[in-house]
Amino acid sequence: TPDDPRLRALCEILSADPADNRTLAALGARVGASERTLAR
């Protein structure tokens, strides 16, 4: 379970639809964080 709210929002998106194949960069644009930040 993630603590960071941006990471939590991303995980909730994919948990709702595991078939979502968007890249980390595209998901980052949705949750307001860069790909580099989310990878870290």
Full PDB file with SEQRES, HELIX, SHEET, SSBOND, CRYST1, ORIGX, SCALE, CONECT and MASTER records, all heavy atoms in Angstrom:
SEQRES   1 A   40  THR PRO ASP ASP PRO ARG LEU ARG ALA LEU CYS GLU ILE          
SEQRES   2 A   40  LEU SER ALA ASP PRO ALA ASP ASN ARG THR LEU ALA ALA          
SEQRES   3 A   40  LEU GLY ALA ARG VAL GLY ALA SER GLU ARG THR LEU ALA          
SEQRES   4 A   40  ARG                                                          
HELIX    1 AA1 PRO A    5  ALA A   16  1                                  12    
HELIX    2 AA2 LEU A   24  VAL A   31  1                                   8    
HELIX    3 AA3 GLU A   35  ALA A   39  1                                   5    
CRYST1    1.000    1.000    1.000  90.00  90.00  90.00 P 1           1          
ORIGX1      1.000000  0.000000  0.000000        0.00000                         
ORIGX2      0.000000  1.000000  0.000000        0.00000                         
ORIGX3      0.000000  0.000000  1.000000        0.00000                         
SCALE1      1.000000  0.000000  0.000000        0.00000                         
SCALE2      0.000000  1.000000  0.000000        0.00000                         
SCALE3      0.000000  0.000000  1.000000        0.00000                         
ATOM      1  N   THR A   1       0.848  -1.191   0.000  1.00  0.00           N  
ATOM      2  CA  THR A   1       0.000   0.000   0.000  1.00  0.00           C  
ATOM      3  C   THR A   1       0.884   1.243   0.000  1.00  0.00           C  
ATOM      4  O   THR A   1       1.700   1.422   0.901  1.00  0.00           O  
ATOM      5  CB  THR A   1      -0.906   0.017   1.241  1.00  0.00           C  
ATOM      6  OG1 THR A   1      -1.735  -1.145   1.217  1.00  0.00           O  
ATOM      7  CG2 THR A   1      -1.786   1.268   1.254  1.00  0.00           C  
ATOM      8  N   PRO A   2       0.750   2.119  -1.009  1.00  0.00           N  
ATOM      9  CA  PRO A   2       1.601   3.314  -1.064  1.00  0.00           C  
ATOM     10  C   PRO A   2       1.165   4.385  -0.070  1.00  0.00           C  
ATOM     11  O   PRO A   2      -0.012   4.481   0.286  1.00  0.00           O  
ATOM     12  CB  PRO A   2       1.423   3.805  -2.507  1.00  0.00           C  
ATOM     13  CG  PRO A   2       0.072   3.304  -2.915  1.00  0.00           C  
ATOM     14  CD  PRO A   2      -0.131   2.000  -2.189  1.00  0.00           C  
ATOM     15  N   ASP A   3       2.120   5.195   0.366  1.00  0.00           N  
ATOM     16  CA  ASP A   3       1.834   6.324   1.255  1.00  0.00           C  
ATOM     17  C   ASP A   3       1.650   7.624   0.480  1.00  0.00           C  
ATOM     18  O   ASP A   3       0.789   8.438   0.814  1.00  0.00           O  
ATOM     19  CB  ASP A   3       2.962   6.508   2.270  1.00  0.00           C  
ATOM     20  CG  ASP A   3       3.050   5.343   3.248  1.00  0.00           C  
ATOM     21  OD1 ASP A   3       1.979   4.831   3.634  1.00  0.00           O  
ATOM     22  OD2 ASP A   3       4.169   4.953   3.612  1.00  0.00           O  
ATOM     23  N   ASP A   4       2.460   7.830  -0.554  1.00  0.00           N  
ATOM     24  CA  ASP A   4       2.386   9.077  -1.316  1.00  0.00           C  
ATOM     25  C   ASP A   4       1.037   9.181  -2.034  1.00  0.00           C  
ATOM     26  O   ASP A   4       0.611   8.230  -2.711  1.00  0.00           O  
ATOM     27  CB  ASP A   4       3.514   9.127  -2.341  1.00  0.00           C  
ATOM     28  CG  ASP A   4       3.573  10.454  -3.074  1.00  0.00           C  
ATOM     29  OD1 ASP A   4       2.875  10.584  -4.097  1.00  0.00           O  
ATOM     30  OD2 ASP A   4       4.301  11.361  -2.616  1.00  0.00           O  
ATOM     31  N   PRO A   5       0.330  10.322  -1.919  1.00  0.00           N  
ATOM     32  CA  PRO A   5      -1.006  10.439  -2.532  1.00  0.00           C  
ATOM     33  C   PRO A   5      -0.987  10.313  -4.047  1.00  0.00           C  
ATOM     34  O   PRO A   5      -1.936   9.780  -4.638  1.00  0.00           O  
ATOM     35  CB  PRO A   5      -1.479  11.816  -2.085  1.00  0.00           C  
ATOM     36  CG  PRO A   5      -0.259  12.548  -1.651  1.00  0.00           C  
ATOM     37  CD  PRO A   5       0.681  11.507  -1.137  1.00  0.00           C  
ATOM     38  N   ARG A   6       0.065  10.777  -4.702  1.00  0.00           N  
ATOM     39  CA  ARG A   6       0.141  10.653  -6.155  1.00  0.00           C  
ATOM     40  C   ARG A   6       0.306   9.192  -6.563  1.00  0.00           C  
ATOM     41  O   ARG A   6      -0.344   8.721  -7.510  1.00  0.00           O  
ATOM     42  CB  ARG A   6       1.294  11.498  -6.695  1.00  0.00           C  
ATOM     43  CG  ARG A   6       1.129  13.002  -6.476  1.00  0.00           C  
ATOM     44  CD  ARG A   6       2.447  13.726  -6.623  1.00  0.00           C  
ATOM     45  NE  ARG A   6       3.404  13.317  -5.584  1.00  0.00           N  
ATOM     46  CZ  ARG A   6       4.651  13.781  -5.507  1.00  0.00           C  
ATOM     47  NH1 ARG A   6       5.099  14.656  -6.407  1.00  0.00           N  
ATOM     48  NH2 ARG A   6       5.449  13.373  -4.533  1.00  0.00           N  
ATOM     49  N   LEU A   7       1.144   8.490  -5.834  1.00  0.00           N  
ATOM     50  CA  LEU A   7       1.337   7.071  -6.117  1.00  0.00           C  
ATOM     51  C   LEU A   7       0.080   6.281  -5.797  1.00  0.00           C  
ATOM     52  O   LEU A   7      -0.301   5.363  -6.532  1.00  0.00           O  
ATOM     53  CB  LEU A   7       2.518   6.556  -5.294  1.00  0.00           C  
ATOM     54  CG  LEU A   7       3.153   5.239  -5.750  1.00  0.00           C  
ATOM     55  CD1 LEU A   7       3.631   5.338  -7.179  1.00  0.00           C  
ATOM     56  CD2 LEU A   7       4.300   4.868  -4.826  1.00  0.00           C  
ATOM     57  N   ARG A   8      -0.596   6.658  -4.716  1.00  0.00           N  
ATOM     58  CA  ARG A   8      -1.839   5.986  -4.360  1.00  0.00           C  
ATOM     59  C   ARG A   8      -2.890   6.173  -5.450  1.00  0.00           C  
ATOM     60  O   ARG A   8      -3.610   5.246  -5.823  1.00  0.00           O  
ATOM     61  CB  ARG A   8      -2.351   6.511  -3.024  1.00  0.00           C  
ATOM     62  CG  ARG A   8      -3.502   5.673  -2.438  1.00  0.00           C  
ATOM     63  CD  ARG A   8      -3.984   6.235  -1.118  1.00  0.00           C  
ATOM     64  NE  ARG A   8      -2.896   6.435  -0.167  1.00  0.00           N  
ATOM     65  CZ  ARG A   8      -2.547   7.606   0.320  1.00  0.00           C  
ATOM     66  NH1 ARG A   8      -3.181   8.705  -0.035  1.00  0.00           N  
ATOM     67  NH2 ARG A   8      -1.544   7.698   1.173  1.00  0.00           N  
ATOM     68  N   ALA A   9      -2.971   7.395  -6.014  1.00  0.00           N  
ATOM     69  CA  ALA A   9      -3.938   7.667  -7.073  1.00  0.00           C  
ATOM     70  C   ALA A   9      -3.631   6.831  -8.317  1.00  0.00           C  
ATOM     71  O   ALA A   9      -4.534   6.274  -8.954  1.00  0.00           O  
ATOM     72  CB  ALA A   9      -3.936   9.153  -7.417  1.00  0.00           C  
ATOM     73  N   LEU A  10      -2.353   6.719  -8.661  1.00  0.00           N  
ATOM     74  CA  LEU A  10      -1.964   5.909  -9.816  1.00  0.00           C  
ATOM     75  C   LEU A  10      -2.318   4.439  -9.596  1.00  0.00           C  
ATOM     76  O   LEU A  10      -2.874   3.784 -10.485  1.00  0.00           O  
ATOM     77  CB  LEU A  10      -0.464   6.075 -10.067  1.00  0.00           C  
ATOM     78  CG  LEU A  10       0.133   5.396 -11.299  1.00  0.00           C  
ATOM     79  CD1 LEU A  10       1.399   6.138 -11.734  1.00  0.00           C  
ATOM     80  CD2 LEU A  10       0.491   3.928 -11.038  1.00  0.00           C  
ATOM     81  N   CYS A  11      -2.008   3.929  -8.410  1.00  0.00           N  
ATOM     82  CA  CYS A  11      -2.304   2.523  -8.113  1.00  0.00           C  
ATOM     83  C   CYS A  11      -3.804   2.253  -8.146  1.00  0.00           C  
ATOM     84  O   CYS A  11      -4.242   1.176  -8.571  1.00  0.00           O  
ATOM     85  CB  CYS A  11      -1.707   2.142  -6.762  1.00  0.00           C  
ATOM     86  SG  CYS A  11       0.109   2.114  -6.739  1.00  0.00           S  
ATOM     87  N   GLU A  12      -4.595   3.206  -7.714  1.00  0.00           N  
ATOM     88  CA  GLU A  12      -6.049   3.034  -7.749  1.00  0.00           C  
ATOM     89  C   GLU A  12      -6.563   2.984  -9.182  1.00  0.00           C  
ATOM     90  O   GLU A  12      -7.488   2.223  -9.499  1.00  0.00           O  
ATOM     91  CB  GLU A  12      -6.716   4.168  -6.973  1.00  0.00           C  
ATOM     92  CG  GLU A  12      -6.540   4.050  -5.461  1.00  0.00           C  
ATOM     93  CD  GLU A  12      -7.081   5.265  -4.719  1.00  0.00           C  
ATOM     94  OE1 GLU A  12      -7.496   6.242  -5.383  1.00  0.00           O  
ATOM     95  OE2 GLU A  12      -7.068   5.234  -3.465  1.00  0.00           O  
ATOM     96  N   ILE A  13      -5.963   3.783 -10.072  1.00  0.00           N  
ATOM     97  CA  ILE A  13      -6.362   3.767 -11.472  1.00  0.00           C  
ATOM     98  C   ILE A  13      -6.135   2.386 -12.083  1.00  0.00           C  
ATOM     99  O   ILE A  13      -7.011   1.814 -12.742  1.00  0.00           O  
ATOM    100  CB  ILE A  13      -5.584   4.843 -12.272  1.00  0.00           C  
ATOM    101  CG1 ILE A  13      -6.047   6.240 -11.875  1.00  0.00           C  
ATOM    102  CG2 ILE A  13      -5.767   4.638 -13.781  1.00  0.00           C  
ATOM    103  CD1 ILE A  13      -5.175   7.351 -12.431  1.00  0.00           C  
ATOM    104  N   LEU A  14      -4.952   1.836 -11.843  1.00  0.00           N  
ATOM    105  CA  LEU A  14      -4.632   0.538 -12.429  1.00  0.00           C  
ATOM    106  C   LEU A  14      -5.341  -0.606 -11.709  1.00  0.00           C  
ATOM    107  O   LEU A  14      -5.661  -1.622 -12.331  1.00  0.00           O  
ATOM    108  CB  LEU A  14      -3.125   0.322 -12.421  1.00  0.00           C  
ATOM    109  CG  LEU A  14      -2.329   1.265 -13.328  1.00  0.00           C  
ATOM    110  CD1 LEU A  14      -0.851   0.896 -13.315  1.00  0.00           C  
ATOM    111  CD2 LEU A  14      -2.858   1.257 -14.755  1.00  0.00           C  
ATOM    112  N   SER A  15      -5.600  -0.463 -10.434  1.00  0.00           N  
ATOM    113  CA  SER A  15      -6.353  -1.498  -9.724  1.00  0.00           C  
ATOM    114  C   SER A  15      -7.776  -1.602 -10.270  1.00  0.00           C  
ATOM    115  O   SER A  15      -8.347  -2.692 -10.319  1.00  0.00           O  
ATOM    116  CB  SER A  15      -6.385  -1.192  -8.223  1.00  0.00           C  
ATOM    117  OG  SER A  15      -5.091  -1.277  -7.657  1.00  0.00           O  
ATOM    118  N   ALA A  16      -8.329  -0.470 -10.671  1.00  0.00           N  
ATOM    119  CA  ALA A  16      -9.676  -0.471 -11.252  1.00  0.00           C  
ATOM    120  C   ALA A  16      -9.682  -1.105 -12.635  1.00  0.00           C  
ATOM    121  O   ALA A  16     -10.691  -1.669 -13.061  1.00  0.00           O  
ATOM    122  CB  ALA A  16     -10.218   0.953 -11.323  1.00  0.00           C  
ATOM    123  N   ASP A  17      -8.561  -1.040 -13.347  1.00  0.00           N  
ATOM    124  CA  ASP A  17      -8.467  -1.609 -14.693  1.00  0.00           C  
ATOM    125  C   ASP A  17      -7.039  -2.073 -14.945  1.00  0.00           C  
ATOM    126  O   ASP A  17      -6.229  -1.335 -15.508  1.00  0.00           O  
ATOM    127  CB  ASP A  17      -8.881  -0.582 -15.751  1.00  0.00           C  
ATOM    128  CG  ASP A  17      -8.817  -1.154 -17.173  1.00  0.00           C  
ATOM    129  OD1 ASP A  17      -8.708  -2.394 -17.299  1.00  0.00           O  
ATOM    130  OD2 ASP A  17      -8.862  -0.357 -18.126  1.00  0.00           O  
ATOM    131  N   PRO A  18      -6.698  -3.310 -14.546  1.00  0.00           N  
ATOM    132  CA  PRO A  18      -5.330  -3.798 -14.748  1.00  0.00           C  
ATOM    133  C   PRO A  18      -4.922  -3.872 -16.225  1.00  0.00           C  
ATOM    134  O   PRO A  18      -3.733  -3.952 -16.524  1.00  0.00           O  
ATOM    135  CB  PRO A  18      -5.360  -5.195 -14.117  1.00  0.00           C  
ATOM    136  CG  PRO A  18      -6.490  -5.156 -13.152  1.00  0.00           C  
ATOM    137  CD  PRO A  18      -7.514  -4.273 -13.792  1.00  0.00           C  
ATOM    138  N   ALA A  19      -5.885  -3.852 -17.131  1.00  0.00           N  
ATOM    139  CA  ALA A  19      -5.572  -3.907 -18.560  1.00  0.00           C  
ATOM    140  C   ALA A  19      -5.155  -2.553 -19.113  1.00  0.00           C  
ATOM    141  O   ALA A  19      -4.759  -2.455 -20.280  1.00  0.00           O  
ATOM    142  CB  ALA A  19      -6.776  -4.438 -19.338  1.00  0.00           C  
ATOM    143  N   ASP A  20      -5.227  -1.519 -18.315  1.00  0.00           N  
ATOM    144  CA  ASP A  20      -4.791  -0.187 -18.735  1.00  0.00           C  
ATOM    145  C   ASP A  20      -3.288  -0.241 -19.034  1.00  0.00           C  
ATOM    146  O   ASP A  20      -2.474  -0.462 -18.140  1.00  0.00           O  
ATOM    147  CB  ASP A  20      -5.074   0.820 -17.612  1.00  0.00           C  
ATOM    148  CG  ASP A  20      -4.825   2.264 -18.022  1.00  0.00           C  
ATOM    149  OD1 ASP A  20      -4.000   2.481 -18.925  1.00  0.00           O  
ATOM    150  OD2 ASP A  20      -5.447   3.159 -17.425  1.00  0.00           O  
ATOM    151  N   ASN A  21      -2.930  -0.033 -20.295  1.00  0.00           N  
ATOM    152  CA  ASN A  21      -1.542  -0.186 -20.709  1.00  0.00           C  
ATOM    153  C   ASN A  21      -0.813   1.136 -20.860  1.00  0.00           C  
ATOM    154  O   ASN A  21       0.260   1.188 -21.483  1.00  0.00           O  
ATOM    155  CB  ASN A  21      -1.466  -0.951 -22.040  1.00  0.00           C  
ATOM    156  CG  ASN A  21      -1.582  -2.457 -21.842  1.00  0.00           C  
ATOM    157  OD1 ASN A  21      -0.946  -3.026 -20.965  1.00  0.00           O  
ATOM    158  ND2 ASN A  21      -2.412  -3.086 -22.653  1.00  0.00           N  
ATOM    159  N   ARG A  22      -1.342   2.216 -20.284  1.00  0.00           N  
ATOM    160  CA  ARG A  22      -0.664   3.496 -20.403  1.00  0.00           C  
ATOM    161  C   ARG A  22       0.721   3.455 -19.759  1.00  0.00           C  
ATOM    162  O   ARG A  22       0.948   2.751 -18.786  1.00  0.00           O  
ATOM    163  CB  ARG A  22      -1.510   4.591 -19.740  1.00  0.00           C  
ATOM    164  CG  ARG A  22      -2.645   5.096 -20.616  1.00  0.00           C  
ATOM    165  CD  ARG A  22      -3.436   6.187 -19.932  1.00  0.00           C  
ATOM    166  NE  ARG A  22      -4.269   5.637 -18.850  1.00  0.00           N  
ATOM    167  CZ  ARG A  22      -5.053   6.395 -18.084  1.00  0.00           C  
ATOM    168  NH1 ARG A  22      -5.097   7.708 -18.271  1.00  0.00           N  
ATOM    169  NH2 ARG A  22      -5.788   5.828 -17.136  1.00  0.00           N  
ATOM    170  N   THR A  23       1.613   4.240 -20.332  1.00  0.00           N  
ATOM    171  CA  THR A  23       2.972   4.323 -19.797  1.00  0.00           C  
ATOM    172  C   THR A  23       2.970   5.066 -18.471  1.00  0.00           C  
ATOM    173  O   THR A  23       1.998   5.734 -18.110  1.00  0.00           O  
ATOM    174  CB  THR A  23       3.893   5.051 -20.777  1.00  0.00           C  
ATOM    175  OG1 THR A  23       3.450   6.415 -20.898  1.00  0.00           O  
ATOM    176  CG2 THR A  23       3.881   4.385 -22.154  1.00  0.00           C  
ATOM    177  N   LEU A  24       4.100   4.967 -17.769  1.00  0.00           N  
ATOM    178  CA  LEU A  24       4.225   5.687 -16.503  1.00  0.00           C  
ATOM    179  C   LEU A  24       4.154   7.195 -16.742  1.00  0.00           C  
ATOM    180  O   LEU A  24       3.591   7.924 -15.916  1.00  0.00           O  
ATOM    181  CB  LEU A  24       5.542   5.307 -15.822  1.00  0.00           C  
ATOM    182  CG  LEU A  24       5.753   5.808 -14.393  1.00  0.00           C  
ATOM    183  CD1 LEU A  24       4.626   5.349 -13.480  1.00  0.00           C  
ATOM    184  CD2 LEU A  24       7.100   5.330 -13.857  1.00  0.00           C  
ATOM    185  N   ALA A  25       4.686   7.656 -17.869  1.00  0.00           N  
ATOM    186  CA  ALA A  25       4.623   9.082 -18.182  1.00  0.00           C  
ATOM    187  C   ALA A  25       3.176   9.531 -18.383  1.00  0.00           C  
ATOM    188  O   ALA A  25       2.761  10.590 -17.889  1.00  0.00           O  
ATOM    189  CB  ALA A  25       5.450   9.388 -19.429  1.00  0.00           C  
ATOM    190  N   ALA A  26       2.389   8.723 -19.101  1.00  0.00           N  
ATOM    191  CA  ALA A  26       0.988   9.081 -19.345  1.00  0.00           C  
ATOM    192  C   ALA A  26       0.187   9.043 -18.048  1.00  0.00           C  
ATOM    193  O   ALA A  26      -0.665   9.916 -17.806  1.00  0.00           O  
ATOM    194  CB  ALA A  26       0.386   8.126 -20.370  1.00  0.00           C  
ATOM    195  N   LEU A  27       0.440   8.071 -17.217  1.00  0.00           N  
ATOM    196  CA  LEU A  27      -0.246   8.010 -15.931  1.00  0.00           C  
ATOM    197  C   LEU A  27       0.185   9.161 -15.030  1.00  0.00           C  
ATOM    198  O   LEU A  27      -0.612   9.699 -14.264  1.00  0.00           O  
ATOM    199  CB  LEU A  27       0.040   6.668 -15.256  1.00  0.00           C  
ATOM    200  CG  LEU A  27      -0.606   5.444 -15.928  1.00  0.00           C  
ATOM    201  CD1 LEU A  27       0.050   4.159 -15.440  1.00  0.00           C  
ATOM    202  CD2 LEU A  27      -2.106   5.420 -15.661  1.00  0.00           C  
ATOM    203  N   GLY A  28       1.440   9.544 -15.135  1.00  0.00           N  
ATOM    204  CA  GLY A  28       1.926  10.674 -14.351  1.00  0.00           C  
ATOM    205  C   GLY A  28       1.209  11.957 -14.686  1.00  0.00           C  
ATOM    206  O   GLY A  28       0.911  12.775 -13.796  1.00  0.00           O  
ATOM    207  N   ALA A  29       0.917  12.148 -15.980  1.00  0.00           N  
ATOM    208  CA  ALA A  29       0.164  13.339 -16.380  1.00  0.00           C  
ATOM    209  C   ALA A  29      -1.222  13.336 -15.759  1.00  0.00           C  
ATOM    210  O   ALA A  29      -1.777  14.404 -15.455  1.00  0.00           O  
ATOM    211  CB  ALA A  29       0.071  13.390 -17.908  1.00  0.00           C  
ATOM    212  N   ARG A  30      -1.754  12.154 -15.533  1.00  0.00           N  
ATOM    213  CA  ARG A  30      -3.093  12.040 -14.927  1.00  0.00           C  
ATOM    214  C   ARG A  30      -3.062  12.367 -13.433  1.00  0.00           C  
ATOM    215  O   ARG A  30      -4.009  12.971 -12.908  1.00  0.00           O  
ATOM    216  CB  ARG A  30      -3.618  10.614 -15.148  1.00  0.00           C  
ATOM    217  CG  ARG A  30      -4.939  10.296 -14.478  1.00  0.00           C  
ATOM    218  CD  ARG A  30      -6.127  10.931 -15.172  1.00  0.00           C  
ATOM    219  NE  ARG A  30      -7.357  10.590 -14.497  1.00  0.00           N  
ATOM    220  CZ  ARG A  30      -8.046   9.459 -14.716  1.00  0.00           C  
ATOM    221  NH1 ARG A  30      -7.625   8.583 -15.628  1.00  0.00           N  
ATOM    222  NH2 ARG A  30      -9.152   9.224 -14.052  1.00  0.00           N  
ATOM    223  N   VAL A  31      -2.001  11.997 -12.738  1.00  0.00           N  
ATOM    224  CA  VAL A  31      -1.962  12.178 -11.276  1.00  0.00           C  
ATOM    225  C   VAL A  31      -1.115  13.367 -10.844  1.00  0.00           C  
ATOM    226  O   VAL A  31      -0.982  13.630  -9.650  1.00  0.00           O  
ATOM    227  CB  VAL A  31      -1.460  10.886 -10.579  1.00  0.00           C  
ATOM    228  CG1 VAL A  31      -2.347   9.700 -10.929  1.00  0.00           C  
ATOM    229  CG2 VAL A  31      -0.001  10.592 -10.932  1.00  0.00           C  
ATOM    230  N   GLY A  32      -0.517  14.059 -11.807  1.00  0.00           N  
ATOM    231  CA  GLY A  32       0.225  15.274 -11.472  1.00  0.00           C  
ATOM    232  C   GLY A  32       1.625  15.046 -10.968  1.00  0.00           C  
ATOM    233  O   GLY A  32       2.079  15.716 -10.033  1.00  0.00           O  
ATOM    234  N   ALA A  33       2.336  14.102 -11.580  1.00  0.00           N  
ATOM    235  CA  ALA A  33       3.728  13.835 -11.203  1.00  0.00           C  
ATOM    236  C   ALA A  33       4.484  13.401 -12.438  1.00  0.00           C  
ATOM    237  O   ALA A  33       3.931  12.768 -13.346  1.00  0.00           O  
ATOM    238  CB  ALA A  33       3.801  12.758 -10.121  1.00  0.00           C  
ATOM    239  N   SER A  34       5.771  13.688 -12.481  1.00  0.00           N  
ATOM    240  CA  SER A  34       6.581  13.314 -13.629  1.00  0.00           C  
ATOM    241  C   SER A  34       6.899  11.820 -13.594  1.00  0.00           C  
ATOM    242  O   SER A  34       6.818  11.164 -12.547  1.00  0.00           O  
ATOM    243  CB  SER A  34       7.888  14.105 -13.632  1.00  0.00           C  
ATOM    244  OG  SER A  34       8.730  13.683 -12.561  1.00  0.00           O  
ATOM    245  N   GLU A  35       7.274  11.302 -14.756  1.00  0.00           N  
ATOM    246  CA  GLU A  35       7.666   9.895 -14.841  1.00  0.00           C  
ATOM    247  C   GLU A  35       8.842   9.611 -13.912  1.00  0.00           C  
ATOM    248  O   GLU A  35       8.860   8.584 -13.217  1.00  0.00           O  
ATOM    249  CB  GLU A  35       8.042   9.550 -16.280  1.00  0.00           C  
ATOM    250  CG  GLU A  35       8.498   8.120 -16.465  1.00  0.00           C  
ATOM    251  CD  GLU A  35       8.886   7.812 -17.901  1.00  0.00           C  
ATOM    252  OE1 GLU A  35       9.001   8.762 -18.708  1.00  0.00           O  
ATOM    253  OE2 GLU A  35       9.087   6.621 -18.214  1.00  0.00           O  
ATOM    254  N   ARG A  36       9.796  10.524 -13.874  1.00  0.00           N  
ATOM    255  CA  ARG A  36      10.977  10.320 -13.037  1.00  0.00           C  
ATOM    256  C   ARG A  36      10.605  10.293 -11.553  1.00  0.00           C  
ATOM    257  O   ARG A  36      11.101   9.449 -10.794  1.00  0.00           O  
ATOM    258  CB  ARG A  36      11.969  11.441 -13.304  1.00  0.00           C  
ATOM    259  CG  ARG A  36      13.293  11.298 -12.558  1.00  0.00           C  
ATOM    260  CD  ARG A  36      14.266  12.363 -13.010  1.00  0.00           C  
ATOM    261  NE  ARG A  36      15.545  12.241 -12.324  1.00  0.00           N  
ATOM    262  CZ  ARG A  36      16.597  13.005 -12.565  1.00  0.00           C  
ATOM    263  NH1 ARG A  36      16.512  13.960 -13.492  1.00  0.00           N  
ATOM    264  NH2 ARG A  36      17.718  12.836 -11.901  1.00  0.00           N  
ATOM    265  N   THR A  37       9.709  11.203 -11.156  1.00  0.00           N  
ATOM    266  CA  THR A  37       9.279  11.239  -9.759  1.00  0.00           C  
ATOM    267  C   THR A  37       8.559   9.947  -9.373  1.00  0.00           C  
ATOM    268  O   THR A  37       8.815   9.359  -8.316  1.00  0.00           O  
ATOM    269  CB  THR A  37       8.363  12.441  -9.514  1.00  0.00           C  
ATOM    270  OG1 THR A  37       9.108  13.642  -9.705  1.00  0.00           O  
ATOM    271  CG2 THR A  37       7.792  12.421  -8.091  1.00  0.00           C  
ATOM    272  N   LEU A  38       7.657   9.489 -10.242  1.00  0.00           N  
ATOM    273  CA  LEU A  38       6.904   8.273  -9.941  1.00  0.00           C  
ATOM    274  C   LEU A  38       7.815   7.044  -9.900  1.00  0.00           C  
ATOM    275  O   LEU A  38       7.640   6.165  -9.055  1.00  0.00           O  
ATOM    276  CB  LEU A  38       5.801   8.079 -10.974  1.00  0.00           C  
ATOM    277  CG  LEU A  38       4.631   9.067 -10.875  1.00  0.00           C  
ATOM    278  CD1 LEU A  38       3.694   8.905 -12.071  1.00  0.00           C  
ATOM    279  CD2 LEU A  38       3.862   8.874  -9.572  1.00  0.00           C  
ATOM    280  N   ALA A  39       8.774   6.977 -10.816  1.00  0.00           N  
ATOM    281  CA  ALA A  39       9.708   5.849 -10.806  1.00  0.00           C  
ATOM    282  C   ALA A  39      10.479   5.814  -9.492  1.00  0.00           C  
ATOM    283  O   ALA A  39      10.699   4.738  -8.905  1.00  0.00           O  
ATOM    284  CB  ALA A  39      10.663   5.948 -11.993  1.00  0.00           C  
ATOM    285  N   ARG A  40      10.881   6.990  -9.024  1.00  0.00           N  
ATOM    286  CA  ARG A  40      11.598   7.059  -7.743  1.00  0.00           C  
ATOM    287  C   ARG A  40      10.690   6.639  -6.590  1.00  0.00           C  
ATOM    288  O   ARG A  40      11.117   5.914  -5.676  1.00  0.00           O  
ATOM    289  CB  ARG A  40      12.107   8.482  -7.525  1.00  0.00           C  
ATOM    290  CG  ARG A  40      12.794   8.697  -6.176  1.00  0.00           C  
ATOM    291  CD  ARG A  40      13.292  10.124  -6.035  1.00  0.00           C  
ATOM    292  NE  ARG A  40      12.226  11.092  -6.204  1.00  0.00           N  
ATOM    293  CZ  ARG A  40      11.340  11.417  -5.263  1.00  0.00           C  
ATOM    294  NH1 ARG A  40      11.378  10.808  -4.084  1.00  0.00           N  
ATOM    295  NH2 ARG A  40      10.414  12.322  -5.496  1.00  0.00           N  
TER     296      ARG A  40                                                      
MASTER        0    0    0    3    0    0    0    6  295    1    0    4          
END                                                                             
